[in-house]
Amino acid sequence: MIRMTKALRLFPNSVVNFHTSSQRAEGQRTEKTINQVTLLGRVGSDPQKRGNQEHPVVNFSLATHFSYRYESGDILQRTDWHRISIFKPGLRETVYNYLKKGQRVYVTGKLSYGEVKLDDGQVRTASTIVADDVIFFQNSPQESQEQ
């Protein structure tokens, strides 16, 4: 079994480790699997650079929401927040230089899980979307004036 660990600086003063493993027994076929995420939402904060010179990463938060109606007729809107990480050099620089809080984007990538070690020594499970592509939507003139 091969185990690889990447340490990423996703939060100030915390380290995230993402684990992947591969195993192949002799004579076994490898089966195909799919890990694909597609999100359309609004950027929650300006992108931030993390990591180091050898392993840079750009992170930003993305909000998606959905609404549902209770039997009483009340409507509730729920917002989910997603952590987006970008490792691809060209995409990483474009997102860092041009993406802004409040902008609407379409993100495709893979879901990845890891552990966050906090300053006080606690370890928490974390998930992130490792982006393969980020498509920017142009803000309408009215949205541009509001920001």
C-alpha atoms as a PDB file:
ATOM      1  CA  MET A   1       0.000   0.000   0.000  1.00  0.00           C
ATOM      2  CA  ILE A   2       1.267   3.464  -0.905  1.00  0.00           C
ATOM      3  CA  ARG A   3       0.245   6.380   1.318  1.00  0.00           C
ATOM      4  CA  MET A   4       0.817   9.992   0.310  1.00  0.00           C
ATOM      5  CA  THR A   5       0.180  12.971   2.542  1.00  0.00           C
ATOM      6  CA  LYS A   6       0.007  16.630   1.515  1.00  0.00           C
ATOM      7  CA  ALA A   7       0.168  19.280   4.209  1.00  0.00           C
ATOM      8  CA  LEU A   8      -1.691  22.427   3.213  1.00  0.00           C
ATOM      9  CA  ARG A   9      -1.991  25.756   4.932  1.00  0.00           C
ATOM     10  CA  LEU A  10      -5.755  26.329   4.645  1.00  0.00           C
ATOM     11  CA  PHE A  11      -6.346  28.221   7.864  1.00  0.00           C
ATOM     12  CA  PRO A  12      -4.020  30.499   9.779  1.00  0.00           C
ATOM     13  CA  ASN A  13      -2.124  28.418  12.341  1.00  0.00           C
ATOM     14  CA  SER A  14      -3.610  25.088  11.249  1.00  0.00           C
ATOM     15  CA  VAL A  15      -2.425  22.310   8.980  1.00  0.00           C
ATOM     16  CA  VAL A  16      -4.640  20.115   6.823  1.00  0.00           C
ATOM     17  CA  ASN A  17      -3.482  16.660   5.738  1.00  0.00           C
ATOM     18  CA  PHE A  18      -5.197  14.991   2.792  1.00  0.00           C
ATOM     19  CA  HIS A  19      -4.631  11.264   2.529  1.00  0.00           C
ATOM     20  CA  THR A  20      -4.871   9.170  -0.573  1.00  0.00           C
ATOM     21  CA  SER A  21      -3.936   5.540  -0.855  1.00  0.00           C
ATOM     22  CA  SER A  22      -3.718   3.037  -3.638  1.00  0.00           C
ATOM     23  CA  GLN A  23      -3.559  -0.704  -3.455  1.00  0.00           C
ATOM     24  CA  ARG A  24      -3.305  -3.261  -6.210  1.00  0.00           C
ATOM     25  CA  ALA A  25      -3.035  -6.963  -5.644  1.00  0.00           C
ATOM     26  CA  GLU A  26      -1.531  -9.061  -8.369  1.00  0.00           C
ATOM     27  CA  GLY A  27      -4.113 -10.327 -10.846  1.00  0.00           C
ATOM     28  CA  GLN A  28      -6.784  -7.836  -9.744  1.00  0.00           C
ATOM     29  CA  ARG A  29      -8.499  -5.473 -12.132  1.00  0.00           C
ATOM     30  CA  THR A  30      -8.770  -1.827 -11.254  1.00  0.00           C
ATOM     31  CA  GLU A  31     -12.300  -0.533 -11.226  1.00  0.00           C
ATOM     32  CA  LYS A  32     -13.329   2.911 -12.350  1.00  0.00           C
ATOM     33  CA  THR A  33     -14.627   5.358  -9.772  1.00  0.00           C
ATOM     34  CA  ILE A  34     -15.997   8.877 -10.001  1.00  0.00           C
ATOM     35  CA  ASN A  35     -15.335  11.775  -7.648  1.00  0.00           C
ATOM     36  CA  GLN A  36     -16.832  14.799  -9.355  1.00  0.00           C
ATOM     37  CA  VAL A  37     -18.317  17.967  -7.856  1.00  0.00           C
ATOM     38  CA  THR A  38     -20.094  20.789  -9.684  1.00  0.00           C
ATOM     39  CA  LEU A  39     -21.041  23.968  -7.835  1.00  0.00           C
ATOM     40  CA  LEU A  40     -22.596  27.265  -8.897  1.00  0.00           C
ATOM     41  CA  GLY A  41     -22.575  29.961  -6.251  1.00  0.00           C
ATOM     42  CA  ARG A  42     -21.177  33.219  -4.921  1.00  0.00           C
ATOM     43  CA  VAL A  43     -17.674  33.780  -3.618  1.00  0.00           C
ATOM     44  CA  GLY A  44     -17.709  34.404   0.145  1.00  0.00           C
ATOM     45  CA  SER A  45     -14.282  36.003   0.482  1.00  0.00           C
ATOM     46  CA  ASP A  46     -11.420  37.169  -1.712  1.00  0.00           C
ATOM     47  CA  PRO A  47      -9.038  34.295  -2.558  1.00  0.00           C
ATOM     48  CA  GLN A  48      -6.047  33.778  -0.274  1.00  0.00           C
ATOM     49  CA  LYS A  49      -2.646  32.292  -1.064  1.00  0.00           C
ATOM     50  CA  ARG A  50      -1.431  29.566   1.287  1.00  0.00           C
ATOM     51  CA  GLY A  51       1.216  26.888   1.287  1.00  0.00           C
ATOM     52  CA  ASN A  52       4.806  27.631   0.376  1.00  0.00           C
ATOM     53  CA  GLN A  53       6.930  28.330  -2.712  1.00  0.00           C
ATOM     54  CA  GLU A  54       7.132  24.625  -3.617  1.00  0.00           C
ATOM     55  CA  HIS A  55       3.483  23.786  -2.897  1.00  0.00           C
ATOM     56  CA  PRO A  56       1.338  26.917  -3.312  1.00  0.00           C
ATOM     57  CA  VAL A  57      -2.442  26.786  -3.073  1.00  0.00           C
ATOM     58  CA  VAL A  58      -5.187  29.384  -3.436  1.00  0.00           C
ATOM     59  CA  ASN A  59      -8.336  29.025  -1.302  1.00  0.00           C
ATOM     60  CA  PHE A  60     -11.694  30.750  -1.228  1.00  0.00           C
ATOM     61  CA  SER A  61     -15.139  30.057   0.187  1.00  0.00           C
ATOM     62  CA  LEU A  62     -18.205  29.529  -1.980  1.00  0.00           C
ATOM     63  CA  ALA A  63     -21.838  29.849  -0.891  1.00  0.00           C
ATOM     64  CA  THR A  64     -24.647  27.800  -2.426  1.00  0.00           C
ATOM     65  CA  HIS A  65     -28.226  27.795  -1.196  1.00  0.00           C
ATOM     66  CA  PHE A  66     -31.550  26.096  -1.561  1.00  0.00           C
ATOM     67  CA  SER A  67     -35.057  26.845  -0.343  1.00  0.00           C
ATOM     68  CA  TYR A  68     -37.695  24.559   1.035  1.00  0.00           C
ATOM     69  CA  ARG A  69     -41.242  25.047   2.238  1.00  0.00           C
ATOM     70  CA  TYR A  70     -42.606  23.771   5.532  1.00  0.00           C
ATOM     71  CA  GLU A  71     -46.100  22.307   5.728  1.00  0.00           C
ATOM     72  CA  SER A  72     -47.157  25.563   7.382  1.00  0.00           C
ATOM     73  CA  GLY A  73     -46.219  27.411   4.185  1.00  0.00           C
ATOM     74  CA  ASP A  74     -43.140  29.085   5.653  1.00  0.00           C
ATOM     75  CA  ILE A  75     -40.155  29.132   3.307  1.00  0.00           C
ATOM     76  CA  LEU A  76     -36.643  28.669   4.646  1.00  0.00           C
ATOM     77  CA  GLN A  77     -33.497  29.334   2.652  1.00  0.00           C
ATOM     78  CA  ARG A  78     -30.427  27.377   3.701  1.00  0.00           C
ATOM     79  CA  THR A  79     -26.895  28.406   2.733  1.00  0.00           C
ATOM     80  CA  ASP A  80     -24.078  25.870   2.515  1.00  0.00           C
ATOM     81  CA  TRP A  81     -20.434  27.005   2.547  1.00  0.00           C
ATOM     82  CA  HIS A  82     -17.760  25.153   0.597  1.00  0.00           C
ATOM     83  CA  ARG A  83     -13.980  25.487   0.819  1.00  0.00           C
ATOM     84  CA  ILE A  84     -12.406  25.607  -2.649  1.00  0.00           C
ATOM     85  CA  SER A  85      -8.670  24.866  -3.106  1.00  0.00           C
ATOM     86  CA  ILE A  86      -6.767  25.389  -6.357  1.00  0.00           C
ATOM     87  CA  PHE A  87      -3.400  23.806  -7.112  1.00  0.00           C
ATOM     88  CA  LYS A  88      -3.206  24.156 -10.935  1.00  0.00           C
ATOM     89  CA  PRO A  89      -0.633  26.933 -11.633  1.00  0.00           C
ATOM     90  CA  GLY A  90      -2.474  28.886 -14.380  1.00  0.00           C
ATOM     91  CA  LEU A  91      -5.894  28.579 -12.772  1.00  0.00           C
ATOM     92  CA  ARG A  92      -4.464  29.357  -9.328  1.00  0.00           C
ATOM     93  CA  GLU A  93      -2.955  32.669 -10.489  1.00  0.00           C
ATOM     94  CA  THR A  94      -6.040  33.699 -12.495  1.00  0.00           C
ATOM     95  CA  VAL A  95      -8.361  33.081  -9.554  1.00  0.00           C
ATOM     96  CA  TYR A  96      -6.037  34.873  -7.120  1.00  0.00           C
ATOM     97  CA  ASN A  97      -5.688  37.933  -9.375  1.00  0.00           C
ATOM     98  CA  TYR A  98      -9.242  38.339 -10.695  1.00  0.00           C
ATOM     99  CA  LEU A  99     -11.814  36.611  -8.462  1.00  0.00           C
ATOM    100  CA  LYS A 100     -13.543  38.879  -5.938  1.00  0.00           C
ATOM    101  CA  LYS A 101     -15.960  38.456  -3.042  1.00  0.00           C
ATOM    102  CA  GLY A 102     -19.586  38.341  -4.184  1.00  0.00           C
ATOM    103  CA  GLN A 103     -18.773  37.207  -7.717  1.00  0.00           C
ATOM    104  CA  ARG A 104     -20.765  34.342  -9.161  1.00  0.00           C
ATOM    105  CA  VAL A 105     -18.682  31.340 -10.283  1.00  0.00           C
ATOM    106  CA  TYR A 106     -19.102  27.803 -11.600  1.00  0.00           C
ATOM    107  CA  VAL A 107     -16.626  25.337 -10.067  1.00  0.00           C
ATOM    108  CA  THR A 108     -15.857  21.763 -11.082  1.00  0.00           C
ATOM    109  CA  GLY A 109     -13.495  19.544  -9.139  1.00  0.00           C
ATOM    110  CA  LYS A 110     -13.084  16.673  -6.708  1.00  0.00           C
ATOM    111  CA  LEU A 111     -14.148  16.260  -3.101  1.00  0.00           C
ATOM    112  CA  SER A 112     -11.254  15.644  -0.721  1.00  0.00           C
ATOM    113  CA  TYR A 113     -11.215  14.961   3.024  1.00  0.00           C
ATOM    114  CA  GLY A 114      -8.483  15.586   5.548  1.00  0.00           C
ATOM    115  CA  GLU A 115      -7.677  16.548   9.097  1.00  0.00           C
ATOM    116  CA  VAL A 116      -7.132  20.006  10.542  1.00  0.00           C
ATOM    117  CA  LYS A 117      -4.822  20.285  13.534  1.00  0.00           C
ATOM    118  CA  LEU A 118      -5.723  23.407  15.512  1.00  0.00           C
ATOM    119  CA  ASP A 119      -3.406  25.469  17.730  1.00  0.00           C
ATOM    120  CA  ASP A 120      -4.770  23.805  20.873  1.00  0.00           C
ATOM    121  CA  GLY A 121      -3.889  20.338  19.492  1.00  0.00           C
ATOM    122  CA  GLN A 122      -7.433  19.303  18.597  1.00  0.00           C
ATOM    123  CA  VAL A 123      -7.856  17.431  15.318  1.00  0.00           C
ATOM    124  CA  ARG A 124     -10.978  18.003  13.238  1.00  0.00           C
ATOM    125  CA  THR A 125     -12.162  16.487   9.984  1.00  0.00           C
ATOM    126  CA  ALA A 126     -12.227  18.909   7.052  1.00  0.00           C
ATOM    127  CA  SER A 127     -13.443  18.680   3.487  1.00  0.00           C
ATOM    128  CA  THR A 128     -12.487  20.760   0.480  1.00  0.00           C
ATOM    129  CA  ILE A 129     -13.250  20.890  -3.214  1.00  0.00           C
ATOM    130  CA  VAL A 130     -10.024  20.617  -5.203  1.00  0.00           C
ATOM    131  CA  ALA A 131     -10.960  22.684  -8.264  1.00  0.00           C
ATOM    132  CA  ASP A 132     -10.171  21.540 -11.799  1.00  0.00           C
ATOM    133  CA  ASP A 133     -11.907  24.540 -13.394  1.00  0.00           C
ATOM    134  CA  VAL A 134     -13.442  27.839 -12.285  1.00  0.00           C
ATOM    135  CA  ILE A 135     -15.673  29.749 -14.687  1.00  0.00           C
ATOM    136  CA  PHE A 136     -16.280  33.408 -13.861  1.00  0.00           C
ATOM    137  CA  PHE A 137     -19.671  35.004 -14.505  1.00  0.00           C
ATOM    138  CA  GLN A 138     -19.779  38.674 -15.381  1.00  0.00           C
ATOM    139  CA  ASN A 139     -21.603  40.796 -12.826  1.00  0.00           C
ATOM    140  CA  SER A 140     -24.544  42.813 -14.110  1.00  0.00           C
ATOM    141  CA  PRO A 141     -24.088  46.621 -14.091  1.00  0.00           C
ATOM    142  CA  GLN A 142     -26.476  46.869 -11.101  1.00  0.00           C
ATOM    143  CA  GLU A 143     -24.447  44.285  -9.092  1.00  0.00           C
ATOM    144  CA  SER A 144     -21.179  46.090  -9.911  1.00  0.00           C
ATOM    145  CA  GLN A 145     -22.557  49.376  -8.502  1.00  0.00           C
ATOM    146  CA  GLU A 146     -23.688  47.678  -5.269  1.00  0.00           C
ATOM    147  CA  GLN A 147     -20.229  46.265  -4.499  1.00  0.00           C
END
